N, C-alpha and C. Protein backbone atom coordinates (compact mmCIF):
# COMPACT_ATOMS: atom_id res chain seq x y z
N MET A 1 0.88 -1.18 -0.07
CA MET A 1 -0.11 0.07 -0.02
C MET A 1 0.86 1.30 0.04
N ARG A 2 0.41 2.31 -0.63
CA ARG A 2 1.05 3.51 -0.58
C ARG A 2 0.71 4.38 0.62
N THR A 3 1.62 5.31 0.78
CA THR A 3 1.32 6.31 1.86
C THR A 3 1.35 7.53 1.13
N LEU A 4 0.37 8.34 1.33
CA LEU A 4 0.30 9.64 0.71
C LEU A 4 0.33 10.86 1.82
N TYR A 5 1.12 11.85 1.62
CA TYR A 5 1.15 13.06 2.49
C TYR A 5 0.59 14.20 1.63
N LEU A 6 -0.43 14.87 2.27
CA LEU A 6 -1.04 16.05 1.62
C LEU A 6 -0.57 17.20 2.29
N ARG A 7 -0.18 18.18 1.41
CA ARG A 7 0.44 19.41 1.78
C ARG A 7 -0.61 20.58 1.47
N ASN A 8 -0.50 21.64 2.17
CA ASN A 8 -1.28 22.89 1.83
C ASN A 8 -2.75 22.66 1.84
N VAL A 9 -3.22 21.80 2.70
CA VAL A 9 -4.64 21.56 2.88
C VAL A 9 -5.25 22.72 3.70
N PRO A 10 -6.17 23.42 3.17
CA PRO A 10 -6.74 24.59 3.96
C PRO A 10 -7.30 24.15 5.26
N ASP A 11 -7.17 25.12 6.30
CA ASP A 11 -7.67 24.69 7.67
C ASP A 11 -9.15 24.27 7.41
N GLU A 12 -9.96 25.07 6.76
CA GLU A 12 -11.37 24.86 6.82
C GLU A 12 -11.73 23.48 6.18
N VAL A 13 -10.92 22.96 5.22
CA VAL A 13 -11.13 21.68 4.52
C VAL A 13 -10.70 20.63 5.67
N GLY A 14 -9.64 20.81 6.22
CA GLY A 14 -9.24 19.78 7.18
C GLY A 14 -10.26 19.65 8.30
N GLU A 15 -10.87 20.76 8.75
CA GLU A 15 -11.90 20.79 9.86
C GLU A 15 -13.12 20.10 9.41
N ARG A 16 -13.65 20.40 8.16
CA ARG A 16 -14.72 19.71 7.65
C ARG A 16 -14.52 18.28 7.48
N LEU A 17 -13.37 17.92 7.09
CA LEU A 17 -13.11 16.41 6.95
C LEU A 17 -13.02 15.81 8.28
N GLU A 18 -12.47 16.42 9.22
CA GLU A 18 -12.45 15.89 10.59
C GLU A 18 -13.92 15.80 11.21
N ARG A 19 -14.71 16.62 10.96
CA ARG A 19 -16.06 16.57 11.50
C ARG A 19 -16.89 15.42 10.78
N LEU A 20 -16.71 15.35 9.43
CA LEU A 20 -17.38 14.19 8.70
C LEU A 20 -16.83 12.82 9.19
N ALA A 21 -15.57 12.65 9.55
CA ALA A 21 -14.95 11.45 9.96
C ALA A 21 -15.50 11.15 11.27
N ALA A 22 -15.65 12.18 12.15
CA ALA A 22 -16.17 12.06 13.55
C ALA A 22 -17.64 11.47 13.57
N ARG A 23 -18.52 12.17 12.64
CA ARG A 23 -19.82 11.74 12.55
C ARG A 23 -20.00 10.19 12.22
N GLU A 24 -19.00 9.67 11.39
CA GLU A 24 -19.05 8.26 11.21
C GLU A 24 -18.36 7.42 12.08
N GLY A 25 -17.66 8.02 13.10
CA GLY A 25 -16.91 7.33 14.07
C GLY A 25 -15.70 6.61 13.49
N ILE A 26 -15.10 7.23 12.55
CA ILE A 26 -13.74 6.61 11.93
C ILE A 26 -12.69 7.72 12.02
N SER A 27 -11.55 7.42 11.83
CA SER A 27 -10.32 8.16 11.94
C SER A 27 -10.46 9.05 10.52
N LEU A 28 -9.73 10.17 10.57
CA LEU A 28 -9.65 11.07 9.46
C LEU A 28 -8.94 10.41 8.41
N SER A 29 -7.90 9.59 8.67
CA SER A 29 -7.26 8.80 7.66
C SER A 29 -8.08 7.72 6.96
N ALA A 30 -8.90 7.12 7.71
CA ALA A 30 -9.82 6.04 7.14
C ALA A 30 -10.82 6.80 6.25
N PHE A 31 -11.41 7.92 6.80
CA PHE A 31 -12.49 8.74 5.99
C PHE A 31 -11.88 9.09 4.70
N ALA A 32 -10.55 9.76 4.84
CA ALA A 32 -9.98 10.32 3.49
C ALA A 32 -9.64 9.19 2.52
N THR A 33 -9.17 8.04 3.08
CA THR A 33 -8.88 6.87 2.27
C THR A 33 -10.11 6.36 1.46
N ARG A 34 -11.18 6.30 2.20
CA ARG A 34 -12.47 5.85 1.67
C ARG A 34 -12.89 6.66 0.53
N GLU A 35 -12.88 8.13 0.80
CA GLU A 35 -13.38 9.07 -0.27
C GLU A 35 -12.48 9.17 -1.35
N LEU A 36 -11.15 8.88 -1.18
CA LEU A 36 -10.24 8.99 -2.31
C LEU A 36 -10.53 7.68 -3.18
N ALA A 37 -10.86 6.66 -2.51
CA ALA A 37 -11.01 5.41 -3.37
C ALA A 37 -12.35 5.59 -4.22
N VAL A 38 -13.30 6.21 -3.67
CA VAL A 38 -14.72 6.53 -4.31
C VAL A 38 -14.36 7.45 -5.49
N ILE A 39 -13.63 8.42 -5.37
CA ILE A 39 -13.34 9.49 -6.38
C ILE A 39 -12.46 8.82 -7.48
N SER A 40 -11.43 7.99 -7.06
CA SER A 40 -10.51 7.42 -8.02
C SER A 40 -11.36 6.52 -9.02
N ARG A 41 -12.43 5.92 -8.53
CA ARG A 41 -13.16 5.15 -9.53
C ARG A 41 -13.85 5.84 -10.54
N ARG A 42 -13.85 7.04 -10.64
CA ARG A 42 -14.44 8.04 -11.62
C ARG A 42 -13.58 7.78 -12.95
N ASP A 43 -12.32 7.37 -12.70
CA ASP A 43 -11.40 7.18 -14.03
C ASP A 43 -11.93 6.05 -14.75
N GLU A 44 -12.83 5.18 -14.19
CA GLU A 44 -13.40 4.04 -15.00
C GLU A 44 -14.68 4.47 -15.71
N ASN A 45 -15.21 5.62 -15.51
CA ASN A 45 -16.55 5.91 -16.04
C ASN A 45 -16.59 6.03 -17.57
N PRO A 46 -15.68 6.59 -18.30
CA PRO A 46 -15.66 6.48 -19.70
C PRO A 46 -15.70 5.13 -20.27
N ALA A 47 -14.95 4.15 -19.71
CA ALA A 47 -15.05 2.92 -20.22
C ALA A 47 -16.44 2.18 -19.88
N LEU A 48 -16.93 2.41 -18.77
CA LEU A 48 -18.25 1.83 -18.41
C LEU A 48 -19.33 2.53 -19.37
N LEU A 49 -19.26 3.64 -19.59
CA LEU A 49 -20.15 4.25 -20.48
C LEU A 49 -20.20 3.79 -21.89
N ALA A 50 -18.91 3.67 -22.38
CA ALA A 50 -18.62 3.10 -23.67
C ALA A 50 -19.26 1.68 -23.91
N ALA A 51 -19.15 0.94 -22.86
CA ALA A 51 -19.57 -0.38 -22.89
C ALA A 51 -21.04 -0.52 -22.97
N LEU A 52 -21.91 0.45 -22.59
CA LEU A 52 -23.23 0.31 -22.63
C LEU A 52 -23.83 0.22 -23.98
N PRO A 53 -24.79 -0.47 -24.20
CA PRO A 53 -25.42 -0.60 -25.53
C PRO A 53 -26.19 0.61 -25.84
N ASP A 54 -26.09 0.99 -27.22
CA ASP A 54 -26.79 2.21 -27.71
C ASP A 54 -28.22 1.82 -28.03
N LEU A 55 -29.20 2.27 -27.30
CA LEU A 55 -30.66 1.98 -27.27
C LEU A 55 -31.42 2.89 -28.32
N GLY A 56 -30.59 3.82 -28.84
CA GLY A 56 -31.21 4.67 -29.77
C GLY A 56 -32.09 5.70 -29.21
N VAL A 57 -31.95 5.99 -27.76
CA VAL A 57 -32.93 6.89 -27.20
C VAL A 57 -32.13 8.19 -26.98
N GLU A 58 -32.69 9.28 -27.39
CA GLU A 58 -32.02 10.58 -27.22
C GLU A 58 -32.18 10.97 -25.84
N ALA A 59 -31.12 11.54 -25.17
CA ALA A 59 -31.01 11.99 -23.81
C ALA A 59 -32.21 13.16 -23.56
N GLN A 60 -32.28 13.86 -24.54
CA GLN A 60 -33.33 15.06 -24.48
C GLN A 60 -34.64 14.37 -24.33
N SER A 61 -35.00 13.32 -25.00
CA SER A 61 -36.30 12.70 -24.97
C SER A 61 -36.55 12.11 -23.41
N VAL A 62 -35.49 11.56 -22.85
CA VAL A 62 -35.64 11.15 -21.42
C VAL A 62 -35.86 12.23 -20.54
N VAL A 63 -35.10 13.29 -20.76
CA VAL A 63 -35.35 14.50 -19.84
C VAL A 63 -36.77 15.03 -19.96
N ASP A 64 -37.20 15.10 -21.33
CA ASP A 64 -38.46 15.66 -21.52
C ASP A 64 -39.66 14.84 -20.87
N ASP A 65 -39.45 13.52 -20.88
CA ASP A 65 -40.37 12.62 -20.26
C ASP A 65 -40.40 12.71 -18.75
N ILE A 66 -39.17 12.84 -18.13
CA ILE A 66 -39.18 13.07 -16.75
C ILE A 66 -39.73 14.27 -16.29
N GLU A 67 -39.56 15.47 -17.14
CA GLU A 67 -40.19 16.64 -16.74
C GLU A 67 -41.71 16.65 -16.96
N ALA A 68 -42.27 16.00 -17.86
CA ALA A 68 -43.65 15.84 -18.11
C ALA A 68 -44.22 15.11 -16.99
N GLY A 69 -43.51 14.03 -16.48
CA GLY A 69 -44.04 13.28 -15.40
C GLY A 69 -44.00 14.05 -14.11
N ARG A 70 -43.17 14.92 -13.99
CA ARG A 70 -43.05 15.72 -12.60
C ARG A 70 -44.21 16.89 -12.67
N ALA A 71 -44.46 17.29 -13.96
CA ALA A 71 -45.31 18.35 -14.04
C ALA A 71 -46.84 17.79 -13.95
N ALA A 72 -46.99 16.45 -14.08
CA ALA A 72 -48.33 15.83 -14.12
C ALA A 72 -48.76 15.62 -12.62
N ARG A 73 -47.82 15.77 -11.61
CA ARG A 73 -48.00 15.52 -10.23
C ARG A 73 -48.89 16.46 -9.62
């Protein structure tokens, strides 16, 4: 496993991270490691999207249907 050292982390960022970790009852290091793992998986998103089948449905059509459904409520 690697060890990362972060420099120049603004105080307010560090304080927010500490509060978030405390809410979950875990260390700041464990919290930061988990969050970095989640963020790093974004690297795989383009490949995942490219692997999806093309269903021939336009994105705007989906958005329009969702908005129409919301308006009907």
